[in-house]
C-alpha atoms as a PDB file:
ATOM      1  CA  MET A   1       0.000   0.000   0.000  1.00  0.00           C
ATOM      2  CA  MET A   2       1.342   3.429  -0.942  1.00  0.00           C
ATOM      3  CA  ARG A   3       2.161   5.661   2.038  1.00  0.00           C
ATOM      4  CA  CYS A   4       1.459   9.399   1.715  1.00  0.00           C
ATOM      5  CA  PRO A   5       3.963  11.874   3.157  1.00  0.00           C
ATOM      6  CA  GLY A   6       3.103  12.619   6.762  1.00  0.00           C
ATOM      7  CA  GLU A   7       1.508   9.247   7.464  1.00  0.00           C
ATOM      8  CA  GLY A   8       3.018   6.801   9.848  1.00  0.00           C
ATOM      9  CA  GLY A   9       6.501   7.854  10.898  1.00  0.00           C
ATOM     10  CA  GLY A  10       6.425  11.205   9.103  1.00  0.00           C
ATOM     11  CA  LEU A  11       8.665  12.378   6.252  1.00  0.00           C
ATOM     12  CA  SER A  12      11.692  10.386   5.286  1.00  0.00           C
ATOM     13  CA  LYS A  13      15.074  12.121   5.085  1.00  0.00           C
ATOM     14  CA  PRO A  14      14.980  12.429   1.248  1.00  0.00           C
ATOM     15  CA  GLU A  15      11.447  13.859   1.466  1.00  0.00           C
ATOM     16  CA  MET A  16      12.517  16.318   4.158  1.00  0.00           C
ATOM     17  CA  ARG A  17      15.450  17.530   2.057  1.00  0.00           C
ATOM     18  CA  ALA A  18      13.127  17.980  -0.921  1.00  0.00           C
ATOM     19  CA  VAL A  19      10.696  20.062   1.149  1.00  0.00           C
ATOM     20  CA  VAL A  20      13.496  22.260   2.528  1.00  0.00           C
ATOM     21  CA  LEU A  21      14.849  22.824  -0.986  1.00  0.00           C
ATOM     22  CA  LEU A  22      11.372  23.710  -2.279  1.00  0.00           C
ATOM     23  CA  VAL A  23      10.803  26.220   0.534  1.00  0.00           C
ATOM     24  CA  PHE A  24      14.195  27.823  -0.158  1.00  0.00           C
ATOM     25  CA  VAL A  25      13.472  28.194  -3.890  1.00  0.00           C
ATOM     26  CA  LEU A  26      10.026  29.674  -3.222  1.00  0.00           C
ATOM     27  CA  SER A  27      11.517  32.165  -0.740  1.00  0.00           C
ATOM     28  CA  LEU A  28      13.872  33.435  -3.437  1.00  0.00           C
ATOM     29  CA  LEU A  29      10.988  33.959  -5.840  1.00  0.00           C
ATOM     30  CA  VAL A  30       8.999  36.122  -3.409  1.00  0.00           C
ATOM     31  CA  LEU A  31      11.938  37.777  -1.623  1.00  0.00           C
ATOM     32  CA  PRO A  32      10.955  41.423  -0.874  1.00  0.00           C
ATOM     33  CA  VAL A  33      13.099  44.345  -1.903  1.00  0.00           C
ATOM     34  CA  GLY A  34      12.907  46.015   1.504  1.00  0.00           C
ATOM     35  CA  CYS A  35      11.806  44.659   4.862  1.00  0.00           C
ATOM     36  CA  GLY A  36       8.652  42.719   4.163  1.00  0.00           C
ATOM     37  CA  GLY A  37       7.063  44.341   1.102  1.00  0.00           C
ATOM     38  CA  ARG A  38       6.982  43.201  -2.489  1.00  0.00           C
ATOM     39  CA  ARG A  39       8.316  45.341  -5.267  1.00  0.00           C
ATOM     40  CA  PRO A  40       5.296  47.098  -6.805  1.00  0.00           C
ATOM     41  CA  GLY A  41       4.784  47.723 -10.491  1.00  0.00           C
ATOM     42  CA  GLY A  42       5.223  51.062 -12.224  1.00  0.00           C
ATOM     43  CA  PRO A  43       8.243  53.348 -12.536  1.00  0.00           C
ATOM     44  CA  GLY A  44      10.860  53.319  -9.821  1.00  0.00           C
ATOM     45  CA  VAL A  45      14.459  52.497  -8.980  1.00  0.00           C
ATOM     46  CA  ILE A  46      16.378  50.373  -6.498  1.00  0.00           C
ATOM     47  CA  HIS A  47      18.390  52.354  -3.950  1.00  0.00           C
ATOM     48  CA  HIS A  48      21.291  50.820  -2.035  1.00  0.00           C
ATOM     49  CA  VAL A  49      21.254  52.145   1.520  1.00  0.00           C
ATOM     50  CA  GLU A  50      24.474  53.783   2.679  1.00  0.00           C
ATOM     51  CA  SER A  51      25.721  53.967   6.258  1.00  0.00           C
ATOM     52  CA  GLY A  52      23.905  56.684   8.206  1.00  0.00           C
ATOM     53  CA  GLU A  53      20.956  56.978   5.798  1.00  0.00           C
ATOM     54  CA  ASN A  54      17.313  56.804   6.833  1.00  0.00           C
ATOM     55  CA  LEU A  55      14.052  56.905   4.883  1.00  0.00           C
ATOM     56  CA  TYR A  56      13.504  60.594   5.567  1.00  0.00           C
ATOM     57  CA  ARG A  57      16.873  61.560   4.099  1.00  0.00           C
ATOM     58  CA  ILE A  58      16.481  59.173   1.157  1.00  0.00           C
ATOM     59  CA  GLY A  59      12.987  60.481   0.469  1.00  0.00           C
ATOM     60  CA  LEU A  60      14.264  64.051   0.535  1.00  0.00           C
ATOM     61  CA  ARG A  61      16.937  63.222  -2.053  1.00  0.00           C
ATOM     62  CA  TYR A  62      14.468  61.599  -4.446  1.00  0.00           C
ATOM     63  CA  GLY A  63      11.566  63.924  -3.712  1.00  0.00           C
ATOM     64  CA  ILE A  64       9.388  60.979  -2.614  1.00  0.00           C
ATOM     65  CA  PRO A  65       7.622  61.025   0.796  1.00  0.00           C
ATOM     66  CA  ALA A  66       9.172  58.610   3.283  1.00  0.00           C
ATOM     67  CA  LYS A  67       5.731  57.120   3.986  1.00  0.00           C
ATOM     68  CA  GLU A  68       5.335  56.102   0.323  1.00  0.00           C
ATOM     69  CA  ILE A  69       8.754  54.428   0.289  1.00  0.00           C
ATOM     70  CA  ALA A  70       7.961  52.625   3.538  1.00  0.00           C
ATOM     71  CA  LYS A  71       4.602  51.418   2.187  1.00  0.00           C
ATOM     72  CA  ALA A  72       6.154  50.182  -1.068  1.00  0.00           C
ATOM     73  CA  ASN A  73       8.723  48.148   0.865  1.00  0.00           C
ATOM     74  CA  GLY A  74       6.599  47.002   3.793  1.00  0.00           C
ATOM     75  CA  ILE A  75       8.819  48.878   6.247  1.00  0.00           C
ATOM     76  CA  ARG A  76       7.178  49.559   9.607  1.00  0.00           C
ATOM     77  CA  ASP A  77       9.970  51.420  11.396  1.00  0.00           C
ATOM     78  CA  VAL A  78      11.124  54.190   9.035  1.00  0.00           C
ATOM     79  CA  THR A  79      14.113  55.050  11.236  1.00  0.00           C
ATOM     80  CA  ARG A  80      15.747  51.612  11.032  1.00  0.00           C
ATOM     81  CA  LEU A  81      17.657  50.752   7.879  1.00  0.00           C
ATOM     82  CA  ARG A  82      20.863  48.786   7.494  1.00  0.00           C
ATOM     83  CA  ALA A  83      23.802  49.617   5.242  1.00  0.00           C
ATOM     84  CA  GLY A  84      23.690  47.572   2.046  1.00  0.00           C
ATOM     85  CA  GLN A  85      19.920  47.092   2.183  1.00  0.00           C
ATOM     86  CA  ARG A  86      18.093  47.466  -1.141  1.00  0.00           C
ATOM     87  CA  ILE A  87      14.858  49.445  -1.146  1.00  0.00           C
ATOM     88  CA  TYR A  88      12.464  50.313  -3.951  1.00  0.00           C
ATOM     89  CA  ILE A  89      11.840  54.035  -4.615  1.00  0.00           C
ATOM     90  CA  PRO A  90       8.417  54.292  -6.299  1.00  0.00           C
ATOM     91  CA  GLY A  91       8.062  56.997  -8.925  1.00  0.00           C
ATOM     92  CA  ALA A  92      11.793  57.761  -9.164  1.00  0.00           C
ATOM     93  CA  ARG A  93      13.169  57.884 -12.710  1.00  0.00           C
ATOM     94  CA  LYS A  94      16.844  57.273 -12.063  1.00  0.00           C
ATOM     95  CA  ARG A  95      19.032  56.129  -9.209  1.00  0.00           C
ATOM     96  CA  LEU A  96      20.950  58.976  -7.619  1.00  0.00           C
ATOM     97  CA  ARG A  97      24.621  58.581  -6.874  1.00  0.00           C
ATOM     98  CA  ASP A  98      25.562  57.824  -3.296  1.00  0.00           C
ATOM     99  CA  ALA A  99      25.496  60.970  -1.184  1.00  0.00           C
ATOM    100  CA  GLY A 100      28.668  59.963   0.608  1.00  0.00           C
ATOM    101  CA  HIS A 101      30.683  59.761  -2.610  1.00  0.00           C
ATOM    102  CA  GLY A 102      29.635  63.166  -3.854  1.00  0.00           C
ATOM    103  CA  SER A 103      30.165  64.817  -0.496  1.00  0.00           C
ATOM    104  CA  ALA A 104      33.557  63.219  -0.024  1.00  0.00           C
ATOM    105  CA  GLN A 105      34.762  64.598  -3.337  1.00  0.00           C
ATOM    106  CA  VAL A 106      33.678  68.095  -2.398  1.00  0.00           C
ATOM    107  CA  GLY A 107      35.235  67.735   1.031  1.00  0.00           C
ATOM    108  CA  ARG A 108      38.586  66.766  -0.522  1.00  0.00           C
ATOM    109  CA  GLN A 109      38.514  69.531  -3.118  1.00  0.00           C
ATOM    110  CA  PRO A 110      41.774  71.532  -3.027  1.00  0.00           C
ATOM    111  CA  SER A 111      41.351  74.943  -1.435  1.00  0.00           C
ATOM    112  CA  GLY A 112      42.951  76.570  -4.485  1.00  0.00           C
ATOM    113  CA  ASP A 113      40.033  75.423  -6.654  1.00  0.00           C
ATOM    114  CA  MET A 114      37.322  76.485  -4.220  1.00  0.00           C
ATOM    115  CA  GLN A 115      37.154  80.102  -5.335  1.00  0.00           C
ATOM    116  CA  GLY A 116      36.728  79.057  -8.962  1.00  0.00           C
ATOM    117  CA  ALA A 117      34.066  76.504  -8.028  1.00  0.00           C
ATOM    118  CA  ARG A 118      32.169  79.140  -6.077  1.00  0.00           C
ATOM    119  CA  ARG A 119      32.242  81.567  -8.989  1.00  0.00           C
ATOM    120  CA  ARG A 120      31.010  78.927 -11.450  1.00  0.00           C
ATOM    121  CA  ALA A 121      28.202  77.790  -9.147  1.00  0.00           C
ATOM    122  CA  ARG A 122      27.025  81.344  -8.489  1.00  0.00           C
ATOM    123  CA  GLN A 123      27.220  82.249 -12.185  1.00  0.00           C
ATOM    124  CA  THR A 124      25.141  79.200 -13.167  1.00  0.00           C
ATOM    125  CA  ALA A 125      22.475  79.964 -10.565  1.00  0.00           C
ATOM    126  CA  ARG A 126      22.379  83.656 -11.471  1.00  0.00           C
ATOM    127  CA  ASN A 127      22.710  83.545 -15.258  1.00  0.00           C
ATOM    128  CA  GLN A 128      20.476  80.546 -16.002  1.00  0.00           C
ATOM    129  CA  TYR A 129      17.911  80.811 -13.218  1.00  0.00           C
ATOM    130  CA  ALA A 130      18.254  84.369 -11.850  1.00  0.00           C
ATOM    131  CA  LEU A 131      18.952  82.966  -8.375  1.00  0.00           C
ATOM    132  CA  ARG A 132      20.931  84.969  -5.829  1.00  0.00           C
ATOM    133  CA  PHE A 133      21.112  83.011  -2.599  1.00  0.00           C
ATOM    134  CA  ALA A 134      21.563  85.052   0.567  1.00  0.00           C
ATOM    135  CA  TRP A 135      22.647  83.926   4.024  1.00  0.00           C
ATOM    136  CA  PRO A 136      19.585  82.670   5.946  1.00  0.00           C
ATOM    137  CA  LEU A 137      21.136  84.103   9.099  1.00  0.00           C
ATOM    138  CA  ARG A 138      24.467  85.503  10.223  1.00  0.00           C
ATOM    139  CA  GLY A 139      26.520  83.616  12.757  1.00  0.00           C
ATOM    140  CA  ARG A 140      29.568  81.454  13.349  1.00  0.00           C
ATOM    141  CA  LEU A 141      30.046  78.620  10.857  1.00  0.00           C
ATOM    142  CA  SER A 142      30.261  75.591  13.152  1.00  0.00           C
ATOM    143  CA  SER A 143      30.296  72.758  10.597  1.00  0.00           C
ATOM    144  CA  ARG A 144      31.096  72.658   6.892  1.00  0.00           C
ATOM    145  CA  PHE A 145      29.757  70.641   3.973  1.00  0.00           C
ATOM    146  CA  GLY A 146      31.434  67.269   3.338  1.00  0.00           C
ATOM    147  CA  MET A 147      32.454  64.258   5.377  1.00  0.00           C
ATOM    148  CA  ARG A 148      32.049  64.553   9.139  1.00  0.00           C
ATOM    149  CA  ARG A 149      32.932  61.755  11.541  1.00  0.00           C
ATOM    150  CA  GLY A 150      32.772  59.249   8.707  1.00  0.00           C
ATOM    151  CA  ARG A 151      29.383  60.409   7.430  1.00  0.00           C
ATOM    152  CA  ALA A 152      28.242  62.797   4.734  1.00  0.00           C
ATOM    153  CA  HIS A 153      27.206  66.201   6.077  1.00  0.00           C
ATOM    154  CA  GLU A 154      24.956  67.497   3.312  1.00  0.00           C
ATOM    155  CA  GLY A 155      24.853  71.142   4.359  1.00  0.00           C
ATOM    156  CA  ILE A 156      26.450  73.674   6.669  1.00  0.00           C
ATOM    157  CA  ASP A 157      25.721  74.451  10.324  1.00  0.00           C
ATOM    158  CA  VAL A 158      25.598  77.982  11.693  1.00  0.00           C
ATOM    159  CA  ALA A 159      25.681  78.445  15.459  1.00  0.00           C
ATOM    160  CA  ALA A 160      22.874  80.639  16.783  1.00  0.00           C
ATOM    161  CA  SER A 161      20.802  81.020  19.922  1.00  0.00           C
ATOM    162  CA  ARG A 162      17.282  79.660  20.228  1.00  0.00           C
ATOM    163  CA  GLY A 163      14.692  81.955  18.663  1.00  0.00           C
ATOM    164  CA  THR A 164      17.099  83.615  16.202  1.00  0.00           C
ATOM    165  CA  PRO A 165      15.171  84.506  13.006  1.00  0.00           C
ATOM    166  CA  ILE A 166      15.761  82.313   9.933  1.00  0.00           C
ATOM    167  CA  PHE A 167      15.242  84.001   6.564  1.00  0.00           C
ATOM    168  CA  SER A 168      14.570  82.428   3.166  1.00  0.00           C
ATOM    169  CA  ALA A 169      17.787  82.434   1.130  1.00  0.00           C
ATOM    170  CA  GLU A 170      15.861  83.001  -2.118  1.00  0.00           C
ATOM    171  CA  SER A 171      12.297  83.417  -3.330  1.00  0.00           C
ATOM    172  CA  GLY A 172      10.306  80.245  -3.893  1.00  0.00           C
ATOM    173  CA  ARG A 173       7.418  78.059  -2.805  1.00  0.00           C
ATOM    174  CA  VAL A 174       7.309  76.144   0.485  1.00  0.00           C
ATOM    175  CA  ILE A 175       6.999  72.408  -0.225  1.00  0.00           C
ATOM    176  CA  HIS A 176       7.389  71.237   3.378  1.00  0.00           C
ATOM    177  CA  SER A 177       6.865  72.840   6.761  1.00  0.00           C
ATOM    178  CA  GLY A 178       6.785  70.457   9.691  1.00  0.00           C
ATOM    179  CA  ARG A 179       8.683  67.610  11.285  1.00  0.00           C
ATOM    180  CA  LEU A 180      10.908  65.407   9.138  1.00  0.00           C
ATOM    181  CA  GLY A 181      12.701  62.601  10.952  1.00  0.00           C
ATOM    182  CA  SER A 182      16.107  63.483  12.367  1.00  0.00           C
ATOM    183  CA  TYR A 183      15.823  66.996  10.908  1.00  0.00           C
ATOM    184  CA  GLY A 184      13.225  67.887  13.525  1.00  0.00           C
ATOM    185  CA  LYS A 185      11.086  70.856  12.513  1.00  0.00           C
ATOM    186  CA  VAL A 186      12.143  71.879   9.011  1.00  0.00           C
ATOM    187  CA  VAL A 187      11.176  74.213   6.177  1.00  0.00           C
ATOM    188  CA  ILE A 188      11.961  73.249   2.573  1.00  0.00           C
ATOM    189  CA  VAL A 189      11.617  75.847  -0.180  1.00  0.00           C
ATOM    190  CA  LYS A 190      11.578  74.994  -3.891  1.00  0.00           C
ATOM    191  CA  HIS A 191      13.179  77.473  -6.297  1.00  0.00           C
ATOM    192  CA  THR A 192      13.592  77.624 -10.068  1.00  0.00           C
ATOM    193  CA  GLY A 193      16.112  75.398 -11.819  1.00  0.00           C
ATOM    194  CA  ALA A 194      15.334  72.366  -9.603  1.00  0.00           C
ATOM    195  CA  TYR A 195      16.995  74.085  -6.627  1.00  0.00           C
ATOM    196  CA  ARG A 196      15.749  73.534  -3.080  1.00  0.00           C
ATOM    197  CA  THR A 197      16.849  74.971   0.243  1.00  0.00           C
ATOM    198  CA  VAL A 198      16.459  73.230   3.595  1.00  0.00           C
ATOM    199  CA  TYR A 199      16.289  74.972   6.982  1.00  0.00           C
ATOM    200  CA  ALA A 200      16.431  72.968  10.239  1.00  0.00           C
ATOM    201  CA  PRO A 201      16.059  72.382  13.154  1.00  0.00           C
ATOM    202  CA  ALA A 202      13.523  75.087  13.976  1.00  0.00           C
ATOM    203  CA  SER A 203      11.818  75.852  17.253  1.00  0.00           C
ATOM    204  CA  ARG A 204       9.014  77.680  15.470  1.00  0.00           C
ATOM    205  CA  LEU A 205       7.721  77.453  11.889  1.00  0.00           C
ATOM    206  CA  LEU A 206       6.248  80.636  10.417  1.00  0.00           C
ATOM    207  CA  VAL A 207       5.179  79.470   6.932  1.00  0.00           C
ATOM    208  CA  ARG A 208       2.928  76.742   5.564  1.00  0.00           C
ATOM    209  CA  LYS A 209       3.224  74.275   2.706  1.00  0.00           C
ATOM    210  CA  GLY A 210       2.194  75.863  -0.596  1.00  0.00           C
ATOM    211  CA  GLU A 211       2.976  79.406   0.539  1.00  0.00           C
ATOM    212  CA  PHE A 212       5.193  81.610  -1.656  1.00  0.00           C
ATOM    213  CA  VAL A 213       8.045  83.333   0.175  1.00  0.00           C
ATOM    214  CA  GLU A 214      10.370  86.158  -0.835  1.00  0.00           C
ATOM    215  CA  ARG A 215      14.135  86.252  -0.416  1.00  0.00           C
ATOM    216  CA  GLY A 216      14.860  87.643   3.044  1.00  0.00           C
ATOM    217  CA  GLN A 217      11.418  86.765   4.434  1.00  0.00           C
ATOM    218  CA  LYS A 218      11.385  85.357   7.965  1.00  0.00           C
ATOM    219  CA  ILE A 219      10.261  81.728   7.728  1.00  0.00           C
ATOM    220  CA  ALA A 220      11.271  80.136  11.045  1.00  0.00           C
ATOM    221  CA  GLU A 221      13.222  80.507  14.277  1.00  0.00           C
ATOM    222  CA  VAL A 222      16.305  78.575  15.368  1.00  0.00           C
ATOM    223  CA  GLY A 223      15.763  75.624  17.667  1.00  0.00           C
ATOM    224  CA  SER A 224      17.172  72.249  18.663  1.00  0.00           C
ATOM    225  CA  THR A 225      14.472  69.801  17.583  1.00  0.00           C
ATOM    226  CA  GLY A 226      15.311  66.473  15.966  1.00  0.00           C
ATOM    227  CA  ARG A 227      18.748  64.897  16.384  1.00  0.00           C
ATOM    228  CA  SER A 228      20.610  67.963  17.576  1.00  0.00           C
ATOM    229  CA  SER A 229      23.215  68.753  20.218  1.00  0.00           C
ATOM    230  CA  GLY A 230      22.071  72.357  20.631  1.00  0.00           C
ATOM    231  CA  PRO A 231      20.448  75.351  18.913  1.00  0.00           C
ATOM    232  CA  HIS A 232      21.820  76.016  15.417  1.00  0.00           C
ATOM    233  CA  LEU A 233      20.778  76.280  11.780  1.00  0.00           C
ATOM    234  CA  HIS A 234      21.446  73.368   9.446  1.00  0.00           C
ATOM    235  CA  PHE A 235      21.199  74.795   5.916  1.00  0.00           C
ATOM    236  CA  GLU A 236      21.217  72.825   2.666  1.00  0.00           C
ATOM    237  CA  ILE A 237      21.100  73.739  -1.016  1.00  0.00           C
ATOM    238  CA  ARG A 238      20.068  70.919  -3.342  1.00  0.00           C
ATOM    239  CA  ARG A 239      19.791  70.722  -7.095  1.00  0.00           C
ATOM    240  CA  SER A 240      17.738  67.838  -8.522  1.00  0.00           C
ATOM    241  CA  GLU A 241      17.888  66.292  -5.026  1.00  0.00           C
ATOM    242  CA  THR A 242      21.712  66.247  -5.073  1.00  0.00           C
ATOM    243  CA  PRO A 243      23.262  68.170  -2.151  1.00  0.00           C
ATOM    244  CA  GLN A 244      25.451  71.127  -3.131  1.00  0.00           C
ATOM    245  CA  ASN A 245      28.021  72.974  -1.067  1.00  0.00           C
ATOM    246  CA  PRO A 246      26.109  76.060   0.166  1.00  0.00           C
ATOM    247  CA  LEU A 247      29.335  78.035   0.531  1.00  0.00           C
ATOM    248  CA  ALA A 248      29.729  77.868  -3.250  1.00  0.00           C
ATOM    249  CA  PHE A 249      26.487  79.839  -3.682  1.00  0.00           C
ATOM    250  CA  LEU A 250      26.477  82.254  -0.761  1.00  0.00           C
ATOM    251  CA  PRO A 251      28.059  85.718  -1.051  1.00  0.00           C
END
């Protein structure tokens, strides 16, 4: 009489090996891109997570809300990613270069070339897009753009006391005003030519999403929200989501 698997003494060793192999093959076929979600259809790219990155920062680079990336990948805790992890960025058209590589190159740029780089960056912003970025506040430069303690620092930090006014560096439209992960309370302004400026961490936000602001308009006040060691302004200039050295654009 033929014995079905599971009857009598259970599976034989050859049957057990076959089942284990089948389960392994099936797991490869349905392996998620992120942490529990399947790769959805439609346009998008695969991003390789670098050390120190989180979904908020990745979403800011691609212009995709962190919640959408988390949903597409089945990620529940948006603050926990591991270096080397692959995640799907829905709606993105092309994979951006690693932030650490670009920042490291700028950080190692010879000082003799910096003046020329600043002139070229300012001329491009002014001549092509009529942009003239101004300092969002005056204070002591406490941290520069580039690599910092082994991680990419994608902007500059200016020391200032809590409540110090923060001004828009250029005219544009507010595309975010609120909390954003480790940034804390942040204002992001979109300008012409795919430029964006980021202002964080604020103690008080004075503008709303969708509002148009003028260069020199007060948009927030300095604070120490988010992952911060004290009151200061973290200021970024991005073009097509790629971080630029703000000192190359500021007068």
